[in-house]
Amino acid sequence: MKDIQLGSLVRICTPLEAGDVPELHGLVIEMTPMQHNKNIGKHLIKVLLHDGSEEHCMLTDLVLVN
């Protein structure tokens, strides 16, 4: 199994309570390590979606697309 890295094609997992949101797919274009003490070891990810927009999320919100 590959790890998510820059350039990876990913799917953003949205919470079920968000309603009927279509699955969002895109490319990882930025990975920023979190600096706050309680978030050390976590990463904020910027994903370029297919429509050209950008979405920010946590690494744990992403699933690698094969």
PDB file of N, CA and C in Angstrom:
ATOM      1  N   MET A   1       0.836  -1.183   0.000  1.00  0.00           N
ATOM      2  CA  MET A   1       0.000   0.000   0.000  1.00  0.00           C
ATOM      3  C   MET A   1       0.883   1.248   0.000  1.00  0.00           C
ATOM      4  N   LYS A   2       0.588   2.181  -0.892  1.00  0.00           N
ATOM      5  CA  LYS A   2       1.355   3.409  -0.991  1.00  0.00           C
ATOM      6  C   LYS A   2       0.853   4.432   0.015  1.00  0.00           C
ATOM      7  N   ASP A   3       1.780   5.307   0.435  1.00  0.00           N
ATOM      8  CA  ASP A   3       1.410   6.414   1.303  1.00  0.00           C
ATOM      9  C   ASP A   3       0.993   7.606   0.452  1.00  0.00           C
ATOM     10  N   ILE A   4       0.159   8.446   1.013  1.00  0.00           N
ATOM     11  CA  ILE A   4      -0.252   9.669   0.335  1.00  0.00           C
ATOM     12  C   ILE A   4       0.924  10.636   0.351  1.00  0.00           C
ATOM     13  N   GLN A   5       1.233  11.203  -0.807  1.00  0.00           N
ATOM     14  CA  GLN A   5       2.325  12.152  -0.936  1.00  0.00           C
ATOM     15  C   GLN A   5       1.935  13.205  -1.971  1.00  0.00           C
ATOM     16  N   LEU A   6       2.808  14.194  -2.190  1.00  0.00           N
ATOM     17  CA  LEU A   6       2.526  15.216  -3.193  1.00  0.00           C
ATOM     18  C   LEU A   6       2.268  14.558  -4.539  1.00  0.00           C
ATOM     19  N   GLY A   7       1.232  15.004  -5.231  1.00  0.00           N
ATOM     20  CA  GLY A   7       0.887  14.455  -6.537  1.00  0.00           C
ATOM     21  C   GLY A   7      -0.024  13.244  -6.497  1.00  0.00           C
ATOM     22  N   SER A   8      -0.333  12.729  -5.304  1.00  0.00           N
ATOM     23  CA  SER A   8      -1.218  11.567  -5.186  1.00  0.00           C
ATOM     24  C   SER A   8      -2.643  11.930  -5.557  1.00  0.00           C
ATOM     25  N   LEU A   9      -3.332  11.025  -6.237  1.00  0.00           N
ATOM     26  CA  LEU A   9      -4.758  11.176  -6.512  1.00  0.00           C
ATOM     27  C   LEU A   9      -5.503  10.643  -5.293  1.00  0.00           C
ATOM     28  N   VAL A  10      -6.348  11.502  -4.709  1.00  0.00           N
ATOM     29  CA  VAL A  10      -7.034  11.142  -3.466  1.00  0.00           C
ATOM     30  C   VAL A  10      -8.525  11.425  -3.559  1.00  0.00           C
ATOM     31  N   ARG A  11      -9.263  10.798  -2.648  1.00  0.00           N
ATOM     32  CA  ARG A  11     -10.691  11.062  -2.457  1.00  0.00           C
ATOM     33  C   ARG A  11     -10.833  11.641  -1.063  1.00  0.00           C
ATOM     34  N   ILE A  12     -11.598  12.716  -0.947  1.00  0.00           N
ATOM     35  CA  ILE A  12     -11.848  13.319   0.362  1.00  0.00           C
ATOM     36  C   ILE A  12     -13.075  12.655   0.967  1.00  0.00           C
ATOM     37  N   CYS A  13     -12.907  12.087   2.156  1.00  0.00           N
ATOM     38  CA  CYS A  13     -14.012  11.437   2.865  1.00  0.00           C
ATOM     39  C   CYS A  13     -14.794  12.516   3.604  1.00  0.00           C
ATOM     40  N   THR A  14     -16.058  12.691   3.249  1.00  0.00           N
ATOM     41  CA  THR A  14     -16.887  13.702   3.910  1.00  0.00           C
ATOM     42  C   THR A  14     -17.760  13.035   4.964  1.00  0.00           C
ATOM     43  N   PRO A  15     -18.035  13.732   6.062  1.00  0.00           N
ATOM     44  CA  PRO A  15     -18.893  13.151   7.099  1.00  0.00           C
ATOM     45  C   PRO A  15     -20.297  12.886   6.559  1.00  0.00           C
ATOM     46  N   LEU A  16     -20.904  11.814   7.025  1.00  0.00           N
ATOM     47  CA  LEU A  16     -22.250  11.455   6.591  1.00  0.00           C
ATOM     48  C   LEU A  16     -23.263  12.546   6.937  1.00  0.00           C
ATOM     49  N   GLU A  17     -23.043  13.249   8.034  1.00  0.00           N
ATOM     50  CA  GLU A  17     -23.980  14.289   8.446  1.00  0.00           C
ATOM     51  C   GLU A  17     -23.968  15.485   7.503  1.00  0.00           C
ATOM     52  N   ALA A  18     -23.008  15.552   6.592  1.00  0.00           N
ATOM     53  CA  ALA A  18     -22.939  16.668   5.648  1.00  0.00           C
ATOM     54  C   ALA A  18     -24.026  16.561   4.579  1.00  0.00           C
ATOM     55  N   GLY A  19     -24.713  15.437   4.549  1.00  0.00           N
ATOM     56  CA  GLY A  19     -25.779  15.256   3.564  1.00  0.00           C
ATOM     57  C   GLY A  19     -25.270  14.579   2.311  1.00  0.00           C
ATOM     58  N   ASP A  20     -25.997  14.732   1.236  1.00  0.00           N
ATOM     59  CA  ASP A  20     -25.640  14.081  -0.016  1.00  0.00           C
ATOM     60  C   ASP A  20     -24.615  14.912  -0.788  1.00  0.00           C
ATOM     61  N   VAL A  21     -23.407  14.903  -0.307  1.00  0.00           N
ATOM     62  CA  VAL A  21     -22.322  15.630  -0.957  1.00  0.00           C
ATOM     63  C   VAL A  21     -21.630  14.671  -1.912  1.00  0.00           C
ATOM     64  N   PRO A  22     -21.411  15.077  -3.159  1.00  0.00           N
ATOM     65  CA  PRO A  22     -20.704  14.184  -4.080  1.00  0.00           C
ATOM     66  C   PRO A  22     -19.277  13.946  -3.602  1.00  0.00           C
ATOM     67  N   GLU A  23     -18.733  12.795  -3.952  1.00  0.00           N
ATOM     68  CA  GLU A  23     -17.350  12.508  -3.585  1.00  0.00           C
ATOM     69  C   GLU A  23     -16.426  13.494  -4.279  1.00  0.00           C
ATOM     70  N   LEU A  24     -15.468  14.010  -3.528  1.00  0.00           N
ATOM     71  CA  LEU A  24     -14.512  14.949  -4.084  1.00  0.00           C
ATOM     72  C   LEU A  24     -13.194  14.229  -4.342  1.00  0.00           C
ATOM     73  N   HIS A  25     -12.683  14.348  -5.557  1.00  0.00           N
ATOM     74  CA  HIS A  25     -11.410  13.753  -5.940  1.00  0.00           C
ATOM     75  C   HIS A  25     -10.466  14.858  -6.393  1.00  0.00           C
ATOM     76  N   GLY A  26      -9.186  14.663  -6.162  1.00  0.00           N
ATOM     77  CA  GLY A  26      -8.224  15.648  -6.620  1.00  0.00           C
ATOM     78  C   GLY A  26      -6.802  15.202  -6.354  1.00  0.00           C
ATOM     79  N   LEU A  27      -5.872  16.112  -6.623  1.00  0.00           N
ATOM     80  CA  LEU A  27      -4.445  15.857  -6.446  1.00  0.00           C
ATOM     81  C   LEU A  27      -3.926  16.605  -5.228  1.00  0.00           C
ATOM     82  N   VAL A  28      -3.068  15.949  -4.450  1.00  0.00           N
ATOM     83  CA  VAL A  28      -2.431  16.598  -3.308  1.00  0.00           C
ATOM     84  C   VAL A  28      -1.374  17.563  -3.846  1.00  0.00           C
ATOM     85  N   ILE A  29      -1.522  18.867  -3.524  1.00  0.00           N
ATOM     86  CA  ILE A  29      -0.566  19.855  -4.031  1.00  0.00           C
ATOM     87  C   ILE A  29       0.257  20.508  -2.918  1.00  0.00           C
ATOM     88  N   GLU A  30      -0.130  20.282  -1.665  1.00  0.00           N
ATOM     89  CA  GLU A  30       0.638  20.856  -0.565  1.00  0.00           C
ATOM     90  C   GLU A  30       0.395  20.045   0.697  1.00  0.00           C
ATOM     91  N   MET A  31       1.469  19.818   1.470  1.00  0.00           N
ATOM     92  CA  MET A  31       1.368  19.114   2.747  1.00  0.00           C
ATOM     93  C   MET A  31       2.134  19.950   3.768  1.00  0.00           C
ATOM     94  N   THR A  32       1.417  20.498   4.756  1.00  0.00           N
ATOM     95  CA  THR A  32       2.030  21.372   5.746  1.00  0.00           C
ATOM     96  C   THR A  32       1.952  20.724   7.123  1.00  0.00           C
ATOM     97  N   PRO A  33       3.104  20.481   7.765  1.00  0.00           N
ATOM     98  CA  PRO A  33       3.075  19.929   9.126  1.00  0.00           C
ATOM     99  C   PRO A  33       2.439  20.930  10.090  1.00  0.00           C
ATOM    100  N   MET A  34       1.623  20.422  11.002  1.00  0.00           N
ATOM    101  CA  MET A  34       0.978  21.275  11.999  1.00  0.00           C
ATOM    102  C   MET A  34       2.018  21.638  13.063  1.00  0.00           C
ATOM    103  N   GLN A  35       1.967  22.869  13.566  1.00  0.00           N
ATOM    104  CA  GLN A  35       2.972  23.360  14.512  1.00  0.00           C
ATOM    105  C   GLN A  35       2.477  23.420  15.955  1.00  0.00           C
ATOM    106  N   HIS A  36       1.147  23.387  16.161  1.00  0.00           N
ATOM    107  CA  HIS A  36       0.590  23.481  17.516  1.00  0.00           C
ATOM    108  C   HIS A  36       0.902  22.204  18.287  1.00  0.00           C
ATOM    109  N   ASN A  37       1.198  22.318  19.569  1.00  0.00           N
ATOM    110  CA  ASN A  37       1.606  21.172  20.398  1.00  0.00           C
ATOM    111  C   ASN A  37       0.665  19.979  20.294  1.00  0.00           C
ATOM    112  N   LYS A  38      -0.655  20.228  20.327  1.00  0.00           N
ATOM    113  CA  LYS A  38      -1.588  19.098  20.309  1.00  0.00           C
ATOM    114  C   LYS A  38      -1.725  18.482  18.918  1.00  0.00           C
ATOM    115  N   ASN A  39      -1.209  19.155  17.874  1.00  0.00           N
ATOM    116  CA  ASN A  39      -1.312  18.645  16.504  1.00  0.00           C
ATOM    117  C   ASN A  39       0.026  18.194  15.915  1.00  0.00           C
ATOM    118  N   ILE A  40       1.059  18.123  16.747  1.00  0.00           N
ATOM    119  CA  ILE A  40       2.366  17.693  16.251  1.00  0.00           C
ATOM    120  C   ILE A  40       2.223  16.302  15.628  1.00  0.00           C
ATOM    121  N   GLY A  41       2.810  16.128  14.449  1.00  0.00           N
ATOM    122  CA  GLY A  41       2.727  14.851  13.743  1.00  0.00           C
ATOM    123  C   GLY A  41       1.576  14.779  12.754  1.00  0.00           C
ATOM    124  N   LYS A  42       0.670  15.770  12.775  1.00  0.00           N
ATOM    125  CA  LYS A  42      -0.445  15.812  11.835  1.00  0.00           C
ATOM    126  C   LYS A  42      -0.111  16.779  10.709  1.00  0.00           C
ATOM    127  N   HIS A  43      -0.788  16.625   9.577  1.00  0.00           N
ATOM    128  CA  HIS A  43      -0.532  17.475   8.416  1.00  0.00           C
ATOM    129  C   HIS A  43      -1.821  18.093   7.888  1.00  0.00           C
ATOM    130  N   LEU A  44      -1.732  19.363   7.505  1.00  0.00           N
ATOM    131  CA  LEU A  44      -2.811  20.037   6.799  1.00  0.00           C
ATOM    132  C   LEU A  44      -2.522  19.865   5.312  1.00  0.00           C
ATOM    133  N   ILE A  45      -3.500  19.408   4.567  1.00  0.00           N
ATOM    134  CA  ILE A  45      -3.313  19.053   3.161  1.00  0.00           C
ATOM    135  C   ILE A  45      -4.141  19.981   2.282  1.00  0.00           C
ATOM    136  N   LYS A  46      -3.544  20.435   1.181  1.00  0.00           N
ATOM    137  CA  LYS A  46      -4.279  21.210   0.185  1.00  0.00           C
ATOM    138  C   LYS A  46      -4.452  20.304  -1.031  1.00  0.00           C
ATOM    139  N   VAL A  47      -5.712  20.145  -1.462  1.00  0.00           N
ATOM    140  CA  VAL A  47      -6.044  19.269  -2.592  1.00  0.00           C
ATOM    141  C   VAL A  47      -6.603  20.126  -3.724  1.00  0.00           C
ATOM    142  N   LEU A  48      -6.055  19.955  -4.923  1.00  0.00           N
ATOM    143  CA  LEU A  48      -6.566  20.624  -6.115  1.00  0.00           C
ATOM    144  C   LEU A  48      -7.640  19.720  -6.704  1.00  0.00           C
ATOM    145  N   LEU A  49      -8.891  20.194  -6.668  1.00  0.00           N
ATOM    146  CA  LEU A  49     -10.018  19.397  -7.159  1.00  0.00           C
ATOM    147  C   LEU A  49     -10.095  19.467  -8.681  1.00  0.00           C
ATOM    148  N   HIS A  50     -10.841  18.543  -9.286  1.00  0.00           N
ATOM    149  CA  HIS A  50     -10.942  18.460 -10.741  1.00  0.00           C
ATOM    150  C   HIS A  50     -11.547  19.710 -11.369  1.00  0.00           C
ATOM    151  N   ASP A  51     -12.369  20.452 -10.606  1.00  0.00           N
ATOM    152  CA  ASP A  51     -12.981  21.661 -11.158  1.00  0.00           C
ATOM    153  C   ASP A  51     -12.068  22.885 -11.041  1.00  0.00           C
ATOM    154  N   GLY A  52     -10.859  22.698 -10.520  1.00  0.00           N
ATOM    155  CA  GLY A  52      -9.898  23.786 -10.397  1.00  0.00           C
ATOM    156  C   GLY A  52      -9.894  24.473  -9.043  1.00  0.00           C
ATOM    157  N   SER A  53     -10.860  24.147  -8.196  1.00  0.00           N
ATOM    158  CA  SER A  53     -10.894  24.749  -6.865  1.00  0.00           C
ATOM    159  C   SER A  53      -9.964  23.982  -5.926  1.00  0.00           C
ATOM    160  N   GLU A  54      -9.700  24.569  -4.769  1.00  0.00           N
ATOM    161  CA  GLU A  54      -8.829  23.942  -3.780  1.00  0.00           C
ATOM    162  C   GLU A  54      -9.614  23.656  -2.508  1.00  0.00           C
ATOM    163  N   GLU A  55      -9.239  22.603  -1.837  1.00  0.00           N
ATOM    164  CA  GLU A  55      -9.881  22.217  -0.581  1.00  0.00           C
ATOM    165  C   GLU A  55      -8.782  21.902   0.432  1.00  0.00           C
ATOM    166  N   HIS A  56      -8.948  22.385   1.652  1.00  0.00           N
ATOM    167  CA  HIS A  56      -8.015  22.085   2.737  1.00  0.00           C
ATOM    168  C   HIS A  56      -8.638  21.032   3.637  1.00  0.00           C
ATOM    169  N   CYS A  57      -7.843  20.072   4.067  1.00  0.00           N
ATOM    170  CA  CYS A  57      -8.338  19.033   4.965  1.00  0.00           C
ATOM    171  C   CYS A  57      -7.157  18.421   5.704  1.00  0.00           C
ATOM    172  N   MET A  58      -7.458  17.548   6.612  1.00  0.00           N
ATOM    173  CA  MET A  58      -6.418  16.819   7.343  1.00  0.00           C
ATOM    174  C   MET A  58      -6.070  15.549   6.574  1.00  0.00           C
ATOM    175  N   LEU A  59      -4.861  15.064   6.764  1.00  0.00           N
ATOM    176  CA  LEU A  59      -4.403  13.849   6.089  1.00  0.00           C
ATOM    177  C   LEU A  59      -5.330  12.677   6.399  1.00  0.00           C
ATOM    178  N   THR A  60      -5.876  12.633   7.604  1.00  0.00           N
ATOM    179  CA  THR A  60      -6.757  11.536   8.002  1.00  0.00           C
ATOM    180  C   THR A  60      -8.097  11.557   7.267  1.00  0.00           C
ATOM    181  N   ASP A  61      -8.420  12.658   6.560  1.00  0.00           N
ATOM    182  CA  ASP A  61      -9.667  12.777   5.802  1.00  0.00           C
ATOM    183  C   ASP A  61      -9.528  12.250   4.387  1.00  0.00           C
ATOM    184  N   LEU A  62      -8.343  11.775   4.018  1.00  0.00           N
ATOM    185  CA  LEU A  62      -8.086  11.375   2.627  1.00  0.00           C
ATOM    186  C   LEU A  62      -7.931   9.884   2.470  1.00  0.00           C
ATOM    187  N   VAL A  63      -8.343   9.399   1.300  1.00  0.00           N
ATOM    188  CA  VAL A  63      -8.153   8.002   0.923  1.00  0.00           C
ATOM    189  C   VAL A  63      -7.449   8.002  -0.433  1.00  0.00           C
ATOM    190  N   LEU A  64      -6.403   7.226  -0.554  1.00  0.00           N
ATOM    191  CA  LEU A  64      -5.659   7.124  -1.809  1.00  0.00           C
ATOM    192  C   LEU A  64      -6.507   6.413  -2.862  1.00  0.00           C
ATOM    193  N   VAL A  65      -6.559   6.982  -4.075  1.00  0.00           N
ATOM    194  CA  VAL A  65      -7.295   6.382  -5.178  1.00  0.00           C
ATOM    195  C   VAL A  65      -6.318   5.596  -6.033  1.00  0.00           C
ATOM    196  N   ASN A  66      -6.671   4.346  -6.333  1.00  0.00           N
ATOM    197  CA  ASN A  66      -5.762   3.501  -7.131  1.00  0.00           C
ATOM    198  C   ASN A  66      -5.951   3.742  -8.605  1.00  0.00           C
TER     199      ASN A  66
END
